[in-house]
Amino acid sequence: MKTNIVFLGMGLLGLMAWAAGQRHDVEAATVVNASPERVWEVLTDTAAYAEWNPVIVRLSGELRPGATIEFVNRGPGGR
């Protein structure tokens, strides 16, 4: 289950990184072996992203429509 959540989170944040500075609507779907509440809990715990997501160094902000988030991601080669 954790692997699926990591994959989903990485995919969504990768798209967000690509779209930095631009407004885009993104939709994605996958099957995750966890309750919707648990998935939402993991994806909205911005302080914990660096613990399970190898791309995100820091993520802050409220994850809600219309809100702004700030994130720092690792570049190529983990830098």
PDB file of N, CA and C in Angstrom:
ATOM      1  N   MET A   1       0.815  -1.186   0.000  1.00  0.00           N
ATOM      2  CA  MET A   1       0.000   0.000   0.000  1.00  0.00           C
ATOM      3  C   MET A   1       0.860   1.251   0.000  1.00  0.00           C
ATOM      4  N   LYS A   2       1.916   1.280   0.814  1.00  0.00           N
ATOM      5  CA  LYS A   2       2.765   2.457   0.905  1.00  0.00           C
ATOM      6  C   LYS A   2       3.395   2.761  -0.455  1.00  0.00           C
ATOM      7  N   THR A   3       3.794   1.720  -1.196  1.00  0.00           N
ATOM      8  CA  THR A   3       4.394   1.920  -2.508  1.00  0.00           C
ATOM      9  C   THR A   3       3.412   2.603  -3.444  1.00  0.00           C
ATOM     10  N   ASN A   4       2.156   2.190  -3.413  1.00  0.00           N
ATOM     11  CA  ASN A   4       1.149   2.810  -4.273  1.00  0.00           C
ATOM     12  C   ASN A   4       0.930   4.267  -3.921  1.00  0.00           C
ATOM     13  N   ILE A   5       0.925   4.578  -2.627  1.00  0.00           N
ATOM     14  CA  ILE A   5       0.734   5.963  -2.210  1.00  0.00           C
ATOM     15  C   ILE A   5       1.934   6.796  -2.632  1.00  0.00           C
ATOM     16  N   VAL A   6       3.133   6.260  -2.479  1.00  0.00           N
ATOM     17  CA  VAL A   6       4.345   6.971  -2.901  1.00  0.00           C
ATOM     18  C   VAL A   6       4.279   7.247  -4.395  1.00  0.00           C
ATOM     19  N   PHE A   7       3.905   6.236  -5.173  1.00  0.00           N
ATOM     20  CA  PHE A   7       3.811   6.398  -6.626  1.00  0.00           C
ATOM     21  C   PHE A   7       2.816   7.489  -6.983  1.00  0.00           C
ATOM     22  N   LEU A   8       1.650   7.464  -6.350  1.00  0.00           N
ATOM     23  CA  LEU A   8       0.630   8.463  -6.629  1.00  0.00           C
ATOM     24  C   LEU A   8       1.130   9.845  -6.251  1.00  0.00           C
ATOM     25  N   GLY A   9       1.704   9.965  -5.066  1.00  0.00           N
ATOM     26  CA  GLY A   9       2.210  11.264  -4.619  1.00  0.00           C
ATOM     27  C   GLY A   9       3.311  11.788  -5.512  1.00  0.00           C
ATOM     28  N   MET A  10       4.241  10.920  -5.900  1.00  0.00           N
ATOM     29  CA  MET A  10       5.342  11.337  -6.766  1.00  0.00           C
ATOM     30  C   MET A  10       4.818  11.782  -8.123  1.00  0.00           C
ATOM     31  N   GLY A  11       3.858  11.053  -8.641  1.00  0.00           N
ATOM     32  CA  GLY A  11       3.300  11.414  -9.936  1.00  0.00           C
ATOM     33  C   GLY A  11       2.610  12.761  -9.906  1.00  0.00           C
ATOM     34  N   LEU A  12       1.809  12.977  -8.892  1.00  0.00           N
ATOM     35  CA  LEU A  12       1.109  14.252  -8.781  1.00  0.00           C
ATOM     36  C   LEU A  12       2.080  15.405  -8.566  1.00  0.00           C
ATOM     37  N   LEU A  13       3.050  15.216  -7.703  1.00  0.00           N
ATOM     38  CA  LEU A  13       4.001  16.289  -7.441  1.00  0.00           C
ATOM     39  C   LEU A  13       4.951  16.501  -8.606  1.00  0.00           C
ATOM     40  N   GLY A  14       5.256  15.461  -9.329  1.00  0.00           N
ATOM     41  CA  GLY A  14       6.062  15.626 -10.532  1.00  0.00           C
ATOM     42  C   GLY A  14       5.349  16.496 -11.554  1.00  0.00           C
ATOM     43  N   LEU A  15       4.076  16.266 -11.712  1.00  0.00           N
ATOM     44  CA  LEU A  15       3.294  17.108 -12.614  1.00  0.00           C
ATOM     45  C   LEU A  15       3.223  18.539 -12.108  1.00  0.00           C
ATOM     46  N   MET A  16       3.097  18.712 -10.800  1.00  0.00           N
ATOM     47  CA  MET A  16       3.054  20.057 -10.228  1.00  0.00           C
ATOM     48  C   MET A  16       4.389  20.768 -10.453  1.00  0.00           C
ATOM     49  N   ALA A  17       5.503  20.050 -10.322  1.00  0.00           N
ATOM     50  CA  ALA A  17       6.814  20.649 -10.556  1.00  0.00           C
ATOM     51  C   ALA A  17       6.948  21.086 -12.003  1.00  0.00           C
ATOM     52  N   TRP A  18       6.492  20.252 -12.908  1.00  0.00           N
ATOM     53  CA  TRP A  18       6.542  20.572 -14.329  1.00  0.00           C
ATOM     54  C   TRP A  18       5.741  21.825 -14.638  1.00  0.00           C
ATOM     55  N   ALA A  19       4.638  21.996 -13.940  1.00  0.00           N
ATOM     56  CA  ALA A  19       3.733  23.098 -14.218  1.00  0.00           C
ATOM     57  C   ALA A  19       4.035  24.337 -13.380  1.00  0.00           C
ATOM     58  N   ALA A  20       5.141  24.351 -12.650  1.00  0.00           N
ATOM     59  CA  ALA A  20       5.464  25.482 -11.778  1.00  0.00           C
ATOM     60  C   ALA A  20       5.406  26.781 -12.576  1.00  0.00           C
ATOM     61  N   GLY A  21       4.760  27.763 -11.992  1.00  0.00           N
ATOM     62  CA  GLY A  21       4.639  29.050 -12.642  1.00  0.00           C
ATOM     63  C   GLY A  21       3.492  29.128 -13.637  1.00  0.00           C
ATOM     64  N   GLN A  22       2.824  28.047 -13.870  1.00  0.00           N
ATOM     65  CA  GLN A  22       1.703  28.017 -14.799  1.00  0.00           C
ATOM     66  C   GLN A  22       0.507  27.398 -14.099  1.00  0.00           C
ATOM     67  N   ARG A  23      -0.671  27.759 -14.529  1.00  0.00           N
ATOM     68  CA  ARG A  23      -1.865  27.134 -13.965  1.00  0.00           C
ATOM     69  C   ARG A  23      -2.296  26.006 -14.883  1.00  0.00           C
ATOM     70  N   HIS A  24      -2.428  24.837 -14.280  1.00  0.00           N
ATOM     71  CA  HIS A  24      -2.889  23.658 -15.008  1.00  0.00           C
ATOM     72  C   HIS A  24      -3.817  22.872 -14.102  1.00  0.00           C
ATOM     73  N   ASP A  25      -4.796  22.267 -14.670  1.00  0.00           N
ATOM     74  CA  ASP A  25      -5.628  21.322 -13.939  1.00  0.00           C
ATOM     75  C   ASP A  25      -5.106  19.929 -14.254  1.00  0.00           C
ATOM     76  N   VAL A  26      -4.922  19.135 -13.222  1.00  0.00           N
ATOM     77  CA  VAL A  26      -4.361  17.807 -13.390  1.00  0.00           C
ATOM     78  C   VAL A  26      -5.302  16.793 -12.762  1.00  0.00           C
ATOM     79  N   GLU A  27      -5.569  15.719 -13.472  1.00  0.00           N
ATOM     80  CA  GLU A  27      -6.342  14.615 -12.931  1.00  0.00           C
ATOM     81  C   GLU A  27      -5.541  13.343 -13.137  1.00  0.00           C
ATOM     82  N   ALA A  28      -5.581  12.472 -12.143  1.00  0.00           N
ATOM     83  CA  ALA A  28      -4.900  11.190 -12.245  1.00  0.00           C
ATOM     84  C   ALA A  28      -5.730  10.151 -11.514  1.00  0.00           C
ATOM     85  N   ALA A  29      -5.578   8.909 -11.888  1.00  0.00           N
ATOM     86  CA  ALA A  29      -6.314   7.834 -11.229  1.00  0.00           C
ATOM     87  C   ALA A  29      -5.413   6.618 -11.091  1.00  0.00           C
ATOM     88  N   THR A  30      -5.571   5.921  -9.990  1.00  0.00           N
ATOM     89  CA  THR A  30      -4.865   4.669  -9.757  1.00  0.00           C
ATOM     90  C   THR A  30      -5.622   3.894  -8.685  1.00  0.00           C
ATOM     91  N   VAL A  31      -5.349   2.620  -8.576  1.00  0.00           N
ATOM     92  CA  VAL A  31      -5.966   1.794  -7.542  1.00  0.00           C
ATOM     93  C   VAL A  31      -4.998   1.718  -6.370  1.00  0.00           C
ATOM     94  N   VAL A  32      -5.455   2.099  -5.201  1.00  0.00           N
ATOM     95  CA  VAL A  32      -4.647   2.079  -3.981  1.00  0.00           C
ATOM     96  C   VAL A  32      -5.361   1.201  -2.967  1.00  0.00           C
ATOM     97  N   ASN A  33      -4.636   0.287  -2.384  1.00  0.00           N
ATOM     98  CA  ASN A  33      -5.209  -0.633  -1.420  1.00  0.00           C
ATOM     99  C   ASN A  33      -5.259   0.010  -0.033  1.00  0.00           C
ATOM    100  N   ALA A  34      -6.061   1.048   0.097  1.00  0.00           N
ATOM    101  CA  ALA A  34      -6.238   1.765   1.368  1.00  0.00           C
ATOM    102  C   ALA A  34      -7.552   2.520   1.278  1.00  0.00           C
ATOM    103  N   SER A  35      -8.062   2.890   2.428  1.00  0.00           N
ATOM    104  CA  SER A  35      -9.311   3.656   2.422  1.00  0.00           C
ATOM    105  C   SER A  35      -9.052   5.059   1.877  1.00  0.00           C
ATOM    106  N   PRO A  36     -10.056   5.690   1.288  1.00  0.00           N
ATOM    107  CA  PRO A  36      -9.880   7.070   0.821  1.00  0.00           C
ATOM    108  C   PRO A  36      -9.410   8.003   1.940  1.00  0.00           C
ATOM    109  N   GLU A  37      -9.895   7.770   3.143  1.00  0.00           N
ATOM    110  CA  GLU A  37      -9.490   8.614   4.272  1.00  0.00           C
ATOM    111  C   GLU A  37      -7.990   8.495   4.544  1.00  0.00           C
ATOM    112  N   ARG A  38      -7.463   7.269   4.483  1.00  0.00           N
ATOM    113  CA  ARG A  38      -6.036   7.048   4.736  1.00  0.00           C
ATOM    114  C   ARG A  38      -5.183   7.668   3.630  1.00  0.00           C
ATOM    115  N   VAL A  39      -5.599   7.503   2.393  1.00  0.00           N
ATOM    116  CA  VAL A  39      -4.874   8.098   1.272  1.00  0.00           C
ATOM    117  C   VAL A  39      -4.847   9.616   1.418  1.00  0.00           C
ATOM    118  N   TRP A  40      -5.981  10.213   1.706  1.00  0.00           N
ATOM    119  CA  TRP A  40      -6.052  11.666   1.874  1.00  0.00           C
ATOM    120  C   TRP A  40      -5.186  12.125   3.044  1.00  0.00           C
ATOM    121  N   GLU A  41      -5.177  11.342   4.122  1.00  0.00           N
ATOM    122  CA  GLU A  41      -4.354  11.668   5.289  1.00  0.00           C
ATOM    123  C   GLU A  41      -2.868  11.727   4.906  1.00  0.00           C
ATOM    124  N   VAL A  42      -2.418  10.745   4.138  1.00  0.00           N
ATOM    125  CA  VAL A  42      -1.013  10.700   3.724  1.00  0.00           C
ATOM    126  C   VAL A  42      -0.696  11.834   2.754  1.00  0.00           C
ATOM    127  N   LEU A  43      -1.539  12.040   1.766  1.00  0.00           N
ATOM    128  CA  LEU A  43      -1.274  13.052   0.745  1.00  0.00           C
ATOM    129  C   LEU A  43      -1.371  14.480   1.267  1.00  0.00           C
ATOM    130  N   THR A  44      -2.118  14.706   2.319  1.00  0.00           N
ATOM    131  CA  THR A  44      -2.257  16.061   2.851  1.00  0.00           C
ATOM    132  C   THR A  44      -1.341  16.342   4.029  1.00  0.00           C
ATOM    133  N   ASP A  45      -0.538  15.380   4.440  1.00  0.00           N
ATOM    134  CA  ASP A  45       0.437  15.589   5.511  1.00  0.00           C
ATOM    135  C   ASP A  45       1.706  16.154   4.871  1.00  0.00           C
ATOM    136  N   THR A  46       1.679  17.443   4.546  1.00  0.00           N
ATOM    137  CA  THR A  46       2.776  18.062   3.808  1.00  0.00           C
ATOM    138  C   THR A  46       4.103  17.999   4.560  1.00  0.00           C
ATOM    139  N   ALA A  47       4.074  18.036   5.871  1.00  0.00           N
ATOM    140  CA  ALA A  47       5.307  17.990   6.662  1.00  0.00           C
ATOM    141  C   ALA A  47       6.025  16.656   6.526  1.00  0.00           C
ATOM    142  N   ALA A  48       5.313  15.590   6.149  1.00  0.00           N
ATOM    143  CA  ALA A  48       5.907  14.251   6.081  1.00  0.00           C
ATOM    144  C   ALA A  48       6.341  13.847   4.669  1.00  0.00           C
ATOM    145  N   TYR A  49       6.136  14.680   3.670  1.00  0.00           N
ATOM    146  CA  TYR A  49       6.465  14.285   2.300  1.00  0.00           C
ATOM    147  C   TYR A  49       7.913  13.839   2.151  1.00  0.00           C
ATOM    148  N   ALA A  50       8.847  14.550   2.747  1.00  0.00           N
ATOM    149  CA  ALA A  50      10.264  14.197   2.598  1.00  0.00           C
ATOM    150  C   ALA A  50      10.587  12.832   3.199  1.00  0.00           C
ATOM    151  N   GLU A  51       9.748  12.337   4.095  1.00  0.00           N
ATOM    152  CA  GLU A  51       9.967  11.033   4.721  1.00  0.00           C
ATOM    153  C   GLU A  51       9.693   9.870   3.766  1.00  0.00           C
ATOM    154  N   TRP A  52       8.736  10.040   2.849  1.00  0.00           N
ATOM    155  CA  TRP A  52       8.360   8.924   1.983  1.00  0.00           C
ATOM    156  C   TRP A  52       8.497   9.221   0.494  1.00  0.00           C
ATOM    157  N   ASN A  53       8.728  10.463   0.147  1.00  0.00           N
ATOM    158  CA  ASN A  53       8.824  10.829  -1.257  1.00  0.00           C
ATOM    159  C   ASN A  53      10.268  11.211  -1.570  1.00  0.00           C
ATOM    160  N   PRO A  54      10.983  10.425  -2.359  1.00  0.00           N
ATOM    161  CA  PRO A  54      12.393  10.696  -2.610  1.00  0.00           C
ATOM    162  C   PRO A  54      12.653  11.934  -3.458  1.00  0.00           C
ATOM    163  N   VAL A  55      11.635  12.507  -4.054  1.00  0.00           N
ATOM    164  CA  VAL A  55      11.803  13.681  -4.907  1.00  0.00           C
ATOM    165  C   VAL A  55      11.617  14.981  -4.119  1.00  0.00           C
ATOM    166  N   ILE A  56      10.724  14.984  -3.153  1.00  0.00           N
ATOM    167  CA  ILE A  56      10.383  16.206  -2.421  1.00  0.00           C
ATOM    168  C   ILE A  56      11.300  16.394  -1.224  1.00  0.00           C
ATOM    169  N   VAL A  57      11.939  17.551  -1.144  1.00  0.00           N
ATOM    170  CA  VAL A  57      12.759  17.911   0.005  1.00  0.00           C
ATOM    171  C   VAL A  57      11.891  18.590   1.059  1.00  0.00           C
ATOM    172  N   ARG A  58      11.026  19.491   0.602  1.00  0.00           N
ATOM    173  CA  ARG A  58      10.133  20.208   1.516  1.00  0.00           C
ATOM    174  C   ARG A  58       8.858  20.586   0.762  1.00  0.00           C
ATOM    175  N   LEU A  59       7.726  20.497   1.439  1.00  0.00           N
ATOM    176  CA  LEU A  59       6.433  20.875   0.884  1.00  0.00           C
ATOM    177  C   LEU A  59       5.670  21.607   1.967  1.00  0.00           C
ATOM    178  N   SER A  60       5.155  22.775   1.642  1.00  0.00           N
ATOM    179  CA  SER A  60       4.384  23.525   2.633  1.00  0.00           C
ATOM    180  C   SER A  60       3.200  24.199   1.958  1.00  0.00           C
ATOM    181  N   GLY A  61       2.210  24.480   2.750  1.00  0.00           N
ATOM    182  CA  GLY A  61       0.990  25.101   2.250  1.00  0.00           C
ATOM    183  C   GLY A  61      -0.192  24.178   2.453  1.00  0.00           C
ATOM    184  N   GLU A  62      -1.353  24.752   2.363  1.00  0.00           N
ATOM    185  CA  GLU A  62      -2.579  23.974   2.547  1.00  0.00           C
ATOM    186  C   GLU A  62      -3.022  23.413   1.205  1.00  0.00           C
ATOM    187  N   LEU A  63      -3.236  22.108   1.169  1.00  0.00           N
ATOM    188  CA  LEU A  63      -3.645  21.450  -0.070  1.00  0.00           C
ATOM    189  C   LEU A  63      -5.160  21.527  -0.203  1.00  0.00           C
ATOM    190  N   ARG A  64      -5.602  22.585  -0.857  1.00  0.00           N
ATOM    191  CA  ARG A  64      -7.027  22.788  -1.108  1.00  0.00           C
ATOM    192  C   ARG A  64      -7.162  23.592  -2.396  1.00  0.00           C
ATOM    193  N   PRO A  65      -8.287  23.498  -3.060  1.00  0.00           N
ATOM    194  CA  PRO A  65      -8.468  24.256  -4.301  1.00  0.00           C
ATOM    195  C   PRO A  65      -8.251  25.751  -4.075  1.00  0.00           C
ATOM    196  N   GLY A  66      -7.499  26.361  -4.959  1.00  0.00           N
ATOM    197  CA  GLY A  66      -7.250  27.796  -4.902  1.00  0.00           C
ATOM    198  C   GLY A  66      -6.096  28.209  -4.009  1.00  0.00           C
ATOM    199  N   ALA A  67      -5.562  27.288  -3.233  1.00  0.00           N
ATOM    200  CA  ALA A  67      -4.456  27.608  -2.321  1.00  0.00           C
ATOM    201  C   ALA A  67      -3.126  27.544  -3.072  1.00  0.00           C
ATOM    202  N   THR A  68      -2.116  28.137  -2.487  1.00  0.00           N
ATOM    203  CA  THR A  68      -0.769  28.101  -3.043  1.00  0.00           C
ATOM    204  C   THR A  68       0.086  27.186  -2.186  1.00  0.00           C
ATOM    205  N   ILE A  69       0.865  26.349  -2.837  1.00  0.00           N
ATOM    206  CA  ILE A  69       1.811  25.506  -2.104  1.00  0.00           C
ATOM    207  C   ILE A  69       3.219  25.870  -2.568  1.00  0.00           C
ATOM    208  N   GLU A  70       4.167  25.617  -1.712  1.00  0.00           N
ATOM    209  CA  GLU A  70       5.568  25.808  -2.056  1.00  0.00           C
ATOM    210  C   GLU A  70       6.281  24.486  -1.826  1.00  0.00           C
ATOM    211  N   PHE A  71       7.161  24.127  -2.746  1.00  0.00           N
ATOM    212  CA  PHE A  71       7.898  22.890  -2.559  1.00  0.00           C
ATOM    213  C   PHE A  71       9.291  23.019  -3.139  1.00  0.00           C
ATOM    214  N   VAL A  72      10.184  22.235  -2.582  1.00  0.00           N
ATOM    215  CA  VAL A  72      11.554  22.120  -3.075  1.00  0.00           C
ATOM    216  C   VAL A  72      11.736  20.663  -3.423  1.00  0.00           C
ATOM    217  N   ASN A  73      12.189  20.419  -4.646  1.00  0.00           N
ATOM    218  CA  ASN A  73      12.389  19.032  -5.060  1.00  0.00           C
ATOM    219  C   ASN A  73      13.852  18.783  -5.407  1.00  0.00           C
ATOM    220  N   ARG A  74      14.232  17.517  -5.361  1.00  0.00           N
ATOM    221  CA  ARG A  74      15.590  17.132  -5.728  1.00  0.00           C
ATOM    222  C   ARG A  74      15.702  17.164  -7.251  1.00  0.00           C
ATOM    223  N   GLY A  75      16.820  17.619  -7.703  1.00  0.00           N
ATOM    224  CA  GLY A  75      17.078  17.647  -9.140  1.00  0.00           C
ATOM    225  C   GLY A  75      17.618  16.326  -9.627  1.00  0.00           C
ATOM    226  N   PRO A  76      18.060  16.282 -10.866  1.00  0.00           N
ATOM    227  CA  PRO A  76      18.643  15.059 -11.406  1.00  0.00           C
ATOM    228  C   PRO A  76      19.818  14.587 -10.551  1.00  0.00           C
ATOM    229  N   GLY A  77      19.917  13.312 -10.347  1.00  0.00           N
ATOM    230  CA  GLY A  77      20.998  12.755  -9.550  1.00  0.00           C
ATOM    231  C   GLY A  77      20.798  12.928  -8.068  1.00  0.00           C
ATOM    232  N   GLY A  78      19.593  13.324  -7.632  1.00  0.00           N
ATOM    233  CA  GLY A  78      19.307  13.468  -6.206  1.00  0.00           C
ATOM    234  C   GLY A  78      19.814  14.760  -5.600  1.00  0.00           C
ATOM    235  N   ARG A  79      20.199  15.726  -6.404  1.00  0.00           N
ATOM    236  CA  ARG A  79      20.706  17.001  -5.900  1.00  0.00           C
ATOM    237  C   ARG A  79      19.613  18.012  -5.728  1.00  0.00           C
TER     238      ARG A  79
END
